[in-house]
Amino acid sequence: MEALTNVRKHAQGCTEVRVRAVRCGDGVTVRVSDDGRQLHRSGGGFGLRGLAERVNLVGGGMRTGPAADGGWSVEATFPAAPVPAPPAGGPGGGTHWPFGC
């Protein structure tokens, strides 16, 4: 939520926000990025700093900064328990992720 709030506050001329969550192995990565220009650098709040502290408390990590294709990106990676294999012949058959790790 903090990353989305920052888009509203700081991304001037933003026309697109992308939210992507991927589970890969023993982790989950969530990325929020936008195509806006940074309105101003406040540095006075605790939003991203507080978010990074909470992510670190659960054993994760966080990166923020300019996105490769313009705009801004916030990416947090969290540890996740392994997903047990579905029983043979049971429903479901696993999870398909439309994008890679």
N, C-alpha and C. Protein backbone atom coordinates (compact mmCIF):
# COMPACT_ATOMS: atom_id res chain seq x y z
N MET A 1 0.82 -1.20 0.00
CA MET A 1 0.00 0.00 0.00
C MET A 1 0.86 1.25 0.00
N GLU A 2 1.94 1.23 0.74
CA GLU A 2 2.82 2.40 0.81
C GLU A 2 3.32 2.79 -0.57
N ALA A 3 3.72 1.81 -1.36
CA ALA A 3 4.23 2.10 -2.71
C ALA A 3 3.14 2.71 -3.58
N LEU A 4 1.92 2.23 -3.46
CA LEU A 4 0.81 2.79 -4.24
C LEU A 4 0.46 4.20 -3.77
N THR A 5 0.52 4.43 -2.47
CA THR A 5 0.29 5.78 -1.94
C THR A 5 1.34 6.74 -2.48
N ASN A 6 2.59 6.29 -2.57
CA ASN A 6 3.65 7.15 -3.08
C ASN A 6 3.47 7.48 -4.55
N VAL A 7 2.91 6.58 -5.32
CA VAL A 7 2.61 6.89 -6.73
C VAL A 7 1.67 8.08 -6.79
N ARG A 8 0.61 8.03 -5.99
CA ARG A 8 -0.37 9.12 -5.98
C ARG A 8 0.27 10.43 -5.55
N LYS A 9 1.15 10.38 -4.58
CA LYS A 9 1.75 11.59 -4.03
C LYS A 9 2.89 12.16 -4.87
N HIS A 10 3.72 11.27 -5.47
CA HIS A 10 5.00 11.72 -6.00
C HIS A 10 5.21 11.50 -7.50
N ALA A 11 4.39 10.71 -8.17
CA ALA A 11 4.65 10.37 -9.58
C ALA A 11 3.89 11.32 -10.51
N GLN A 12 4.55 12.37 -10.90
CA GLN A 12 3.94 13.37 -11.78
C GLN A 12 3.76 12.80 -13.19
N GLY A 13 2.59 12.99 -13.76
CA GLY A 13 2.31 12.53 -15.12
C GLY A 13 2.19 11.03 -15.25
N CYS A 14 1.97 10.34 -14.17
CA CYS A 14 1.86 8.87 -14.20
C CYS A 14 0.61 8.45 -14.96
N THR A 15 0.78 7.53 -15.90
CA THR A 15 -0.36 7.00 -16.64
C THR A 15 -0.56 5.50 -16.43
N GLU A 16 0.44 4.85 -15.80
CA GLU A 16 0.35 3.41 -15.59
C GLU A 16 1.08 3.01 -14.30
N VAL A 17 0.43 2.14 -13.54
CA VAL A 17 1.05 1.54 -12.36
C VAL A 17 0.98 0.03 -12.55
N ARG A 18 2.10 -0.63 -12.34
CA ARG A 18 2.17 -2.08 -12.48
C ARG A 18 2.45 -2.70 -11.11
N VAL A 19 1.66 -3.72 -10.77
CA VAL A 19 1.85 -4.48 -9.53
C VAL A 19 2.06 -5.92 -9.95
N ARG A 20 3.18 -6.48 -9.52
CA ARG A 20 3.51 -7.85 -9.92
C ARG A 20 3.94 -8.62 -8.69
N ALA A 21 3.38 -9.80 -8.51
CA ALA A 21 3.76 -10.68 -7.40
C ALA A 21 4.14 -12.03 -8.00
N VAL A 22 5.32 -12.51 -7.63
CA VAL A 22 5.83 -13.77 -8.17
C VAL A 22 6.37 -14.63 -7.03
N ARG A 23 5.95 -15.87 -7.02
CA ARG A 23 6.53 -16.82 -6.08
C ARG A 23 7.54 -17.64 -6.86
N CYS A 24 8.75 -17.71 -6.34
CA CYS A 24 9.81 -18.46 -7.00
C CYS A 24 10.62 -19.18 -5.92
N GLY A 25 10.59 -20.48 -5.93
CA GLY A 25 11.33 -21.24 -4.93
C GLY A 25 10.82 -20.97 -3.53
N ASP A 26 11.70 -20.49 -2.69
CA ASP A 26 11.33 -20.26 -1.29
C ASP A 26 11.09 -18.78 -0.99
N GLY A 27 10.70 -18.01 -2.00
CA GLY A 27 10.44 -16.59 -1.78
C GLY A 27 9.31 -16.05 -2.63
N VAL A 28 8.81 -14.91 -2.21
CA VAL A 28 7.78 -14.18 -2.95
C VAL A 28 8.31 -12.77 -3.16
N THR A 29 8.25 -12.30 -4.40
CA THR A 29 8.68 -10.94 -4.70
C THR A 29 7.48 -10.14 -5.18
N VAL A 30 7.30 -8.97 -4.60
CA VAL A 30 6.23 -8.05 -4.99
C VAL A 30 6.89 -6.79 -5.51
N ARG A 31 6.50 -6.36 -6.73
CA ARG A 31 7.07 -5.15 -7.31
C ARG A 31 5.94 -4.21 -7.71
N VAL A 32 6.06 -2.96 -7.31
CA VAL A 32 5.14 -1.90 -7.71
C VAL A 32 5.98 -0.88 -8.46
N SER A 33 5.61 -0.60 -9.72
CA SER A 33 6.36 0.38 -10.50
C SER A 33 5.38 1.27 -11.26
N ASP A 34 5.86 2.46 -11.61
CA ASP A 34 5.02 3.41 -12.34
C ASP A 34 5.82 4.03 -13.47
N ASP A 35 5.14 4.78 -14.32
CA ASP A 35 5.80 5.44 -15.44
C ASP A 35 5.88 6.96 -15.27
N GLY A 36 5.67 7.44 -14.06
CA GLY A 36 5.67 8.89 -13.82
C GLY A 36 7.05 9.46 -13.58
N ARG A 37 7.09 10.77 -13.49
CA ARG A 37 8.32 11.48 -13.13
C ARG A 37 8.20 11.84 -11.66
N GLN A 38 9.29 11.74 -10.95
CA GLN A 38 9.27 12.03 -9.52
C GLN A 38 8.97 13.51 -9.32
N LEU A 39 7.89 13.79 -8.60
CA LEU A 39 7.45 15.16 -8.36
C LEU A 39 8.44 15.90 -7.47
N HIS A 40 8.77 15.31 -6.38
CA HIS A 40 9.76 15.89 -5.48
C HIS A 40 10.28 14.80 -4.55
N ARG A 41 11.42 15.03 -4.03
CA ARG A 41 12.02 14.07 -3.10
C ARG A 41 11.78 14.60 -1.70
N SER A 42 10.86 13.97 -0.99
CA SER A 42 10.54 14.49 0.34
C SER A 42 11.59 14.08 1.36
N GLY A 43 11.86 12.78 1.48
CA GLY A 43 12.85 12.31 2.43
C GLY A 43 12.49 12.56 3.88
N GLY A 44 11.40 13.28 4.15
CA GLY A 44 11.06 13.62 5.51
C GLY A 44 10.11 12.64 6.16
N GLY A 45 9.52 11.73 5.37
CA GLY A 45 8.56 10.80 5.94
C GLY A 45 9.20 9.49 6.37
N PHE A 46 8.37 8.62 6.90
CA PHE A 46 8.84 7.32 7.35
C PHE A 46 8.24 6.20 6.53
N GLY A 47 7.53 6.52 5.45
CA GLY A 47 6.81 5.53 4.68
C GLY A 47 7.68 4.39 4.17
N LEU A 48 8.58 4.67 3.24
CA LEU A 48 9.41 3.61 2.68
C LEU A 48 10.41 3.09 3.71
N ARG A 49 10.91 3.95 4.56
CA ARG A 49 11.83 3.51 5.61
C ARG A 49 11.11 2.53 6.55
N GLY A 50 9.90 2.87 6.95
CA GLY A 50 9.12 1.98 7.82
C GLY A 50 8.76 0.67 7.13
N LEU A 51 8.43 0.76 5.85
CA LEU A 51 8.12 -0.45 5.09
C LEU A 51 9.35 -1.36 5.03
N ALA A 52 10.51 -0.79 4.75
CA ALA A 52 11.75 -1.58 4.70
C ALA A 52 12.03 -2.24 6.05
N GLU A 53 11.79 -1.54 7.13
CA GLU A 53 12.00 -2.12 8.46
C GLU A 53 11.09 -3.32 8.69
N ARG A 54 9.82 -3.19 8.29
CA ARG A 54 8.87 -4.30 8.47
C ARG A 54 9.23 -5.49 7.57
N VAL A 55 9.65 -5.22 6.36
CA VAL A 55 10.06 -6.29 5.46
C VAL A 55 11.27 -7.02 6.04
N ASN A 56 12.24 -6.27 6.55
CA ASN A 56 13.43 -6.88 7.15
C ASN A 56 13.10 -7.71 8.39
N LEU A 57 12.10 -7.28 9.16
CA LEU A 57 11.72 -8.02 10.37
C LEU A 57 11.25 -9.44 10.07
N VAL A 58 10.68 -9.66 8.90
CA VAL A 58 10.21 -11.00 8.55
C VAL A 58 11.23 -11.76 7.70
N GLY A 59 12.45 -11.21 7.62
CA GLY A 59 13.52 -11.90 6.89
C GLY A 59 13.59 -11.58 5.42
N GLY A 60 12.93 -10.52 4.99
CA GLY A 60 12.94 -10.14 3.58
C GLY A 60 13.91 -9.02 3.29
N GLY A 61 13.81 -8.50 2.09
CA GLY A 61 14.64 -7.38 1.67
C GLY A 61 13.86 -6.48 0.75
N MET A 62 14.31 -5.24 0.60
CA MET A 62 13.57 -4.28 -0.22
C MET A 62 14.54 -3.41 -0.99
N ARG A 63 14.15 -3.07 -2.23
CA ARG A 63 14.91 -2.14 -3.07
C ARG A 63 13.95 -1.10 -3.62
N THR A 64 14.41 0.14 -3.67
CA THR A 64 13.62 1.21 -4.27
C THR A 64 14.53 2.03 -5.16
N GLY A 65 13.96 2.64 -6.18
CA GLY A 65 14.76 3.52 -7.03
C GLY A 65 14.14 3.67 -8.39
N PRO A 66 14.84 4.39 -9.25
CA PRO A 66 14.34 4.59 -10.61
C PRO A 66 14.18 3.25 -11.32
N ALA A 67 13.06 3.08 -12.03
CA ALA A 67 12.82 1.86 -12.80
C ALA A 67 13.64 1.92 -14.09
N ALA A 68 14.00 0.76 -14.61
CA ALA A 68 14.82 0.68 -15.81
C ALA A 68 14.18 1.38 -17.01
N ASP A 69 12.86 1.32 -17.08
CA ASP A 69 12.16 1.92 -18.22
C ASP A 69 11.53 3.27 -17.87
N GLY A 70 12.04 3.93 -16.86
CA GLY A 70 11.50 5.22 -16.41
C GLY A 70 10.57 5.02 -15.23
N GLY A 71 10.23 6.08 -14.57
CA GLY A 71 9.37 5.98 -13.41
C GLY A 71 10.12 5.51 -12.18
N TRP A 72 9.41 4.90 -11.26
CA TRP A 72 9.95 4.50 -9.96
C TRP A 72 9.52 3.08 -9.66
N SER A 73 10.32 2.35 -8.91
CA SER A 73 10.02 0.97 -8.58
C SER A 73 10.28 0.70 -7.11
N VAL A 74 9.39 -0.06 -6.49
CA VAL A 74 9.58 -0.56 -5.13
C VAL A 74 9.42 -2.07 -5.23
N GLU A 75 10.45 -2.80 -4.78
CA GLU A 75 10.43 -4.25 -4.86
C GLU A 75 10.77 -4.84 -3.50
N ALA A 76 9.90 -5.71 -3.00
CA ALA A 76 10.12 -6.37 -1.72
C ALA A 76 10.10 -7.88 -1.93
N THR A 77 11.05 -8.57 -1.31
CA THR A 77 11.13 -10.03 -1.39
C THR A 77 10.96 -10.59 0.01
N PHE A 78 10.11 -11.59 0.11
CA PHE A 78 9.77 -12.20 1.40
C PHE A 78 10.06 -13.68 1.35
N PRO A 79 10.49 -14.28 2.47
CA PRO A 79 10.62 -15.73 2.51
C PRO A 79 9.23 -16.36 2.53
N ALA A 80 9.13 -17.54 1.94
CA ALA A 80 7.84 -18.25 1.90
C ALA A 80 8.09 -19.73 2.14
N ALA A 81 7.14 -20.36 2.80
CA ALA A 81 7.22 -21.80 3.03
C ALA A 81 7.02 -22.52 1.69
N PRO A 82 7.67 -23.66 1.51
CA PRO A 82 7.47 -24.42 0.29
C PRO A 82 6.00 -24.84 0.13
N VAL A 83 5.56 -24.89 -1.10
CA VAL A 83 4.19 -25.33 -1.39
C VAL A 83 4.22 -26.84 -1.55
N PRO A 84 3.40 -27.56 -0.77
CA PRO A 84 3.40 -29.02 -0.89
C PRO A 84 2.83 -29.43 -2.25
N ALA A 85 3.35 -30.53 -2.79
CA ALA A 85 2.86 -31.05 -4.06
C ALA A 85 1.43 -31.56 -3.88
N PRO A 86 0.57 -31.35 -4.88
CA PRO A 86 -0.80 -31.86 -4.78
C PRO A 86 -0.78 -33.39 -4.81
N PRO A 87 -1.75 -34.02 -4.16
CA PRO A 87 -1.78 -35.49 -4.17
C PRO A 87 -2.01 -36.01 -5.59
N ALA A 88 -1.43 -37.16 -5.88
CA ALA A 88 -1.60 -37.76 -7.20
C ALA A 88 -3.07 -38.00 -7.49
N GLY A 89 -3.50 -37.57 -8.65
CA GLY A 89 -4.89 -37.77 -9.04
C GLY A 89 -5.86 -36.81 -8.38
N GLY A 90 -5.34 -35.90 -7.56
CA GLY A 90 -6.21 -34.95 -6.86
C GLY A 90 -6.51 -33.73 -7.71
N PRO A 91 -7.40 -32.87 -7.24
CA PRO A 91 -7.75 -31.66 -7.98
C PRO A 91 -6.61 -30.65 -7.97
N GLY A 92 -6.67 -29.75 -8.87
CA GLY A 92 -5.71 -28.65 -8.88
C GLY A 92 -4.57 -28.88 -9.83
N GLY A 93 -3.71 -29.79 -9.52
CA GLY A 93 -2.60 -30.07 -10.41
C GLY A 93 -1.50 -29.03 -10.36
N GLY A 94 -1.46 -28.21 -9.33
CA GLY A 94 -0.39 -27.23 -9.22
C GLY A 94 -0.81 -25.86 -9.66
N THR A 95 0.10 -24.91 -9.56
CA THR A 95 -0.16 -23.53 -9.89
C THR A 95 0.68 -23.13 -11.09
N HIS A 96 0.09 -22.48 -12.03
CA HIS A 96 0.82 -21.98 -13.21
C HIS A 96 1.01 -20.48 -13.06
N TRP A 97 2.25 -20.02 -13.14
CA TRP A 97 2.53 -18.60 -13.07
C TRP A 97 2.75 -18.10 -14.49
N PRO A 98 2.06 -17.02 -14.88
CA PRO A 98 2.17 -16.52 -16.25
C PRO A 98 3.49 -15.83 -16.56
N PHE A 99 4.33 -15.58 -15.58
CA PHE A 99 5.62 -14.95 -15.84
C PHE A 99 6.68 -15.64 -15.01
N GLY A 100 7.91 -15.50 -15.42
CA GLY A 100 9.02 -16.22 -14.80
C GLY A 100 9.45 -15.66 -13.47
N CYS A 101 10.39 -16.34 -12.84
CA CYS A 101 10.90 -15.95 -11.53
C CYS A 101 11.85 -14.79 -11.64
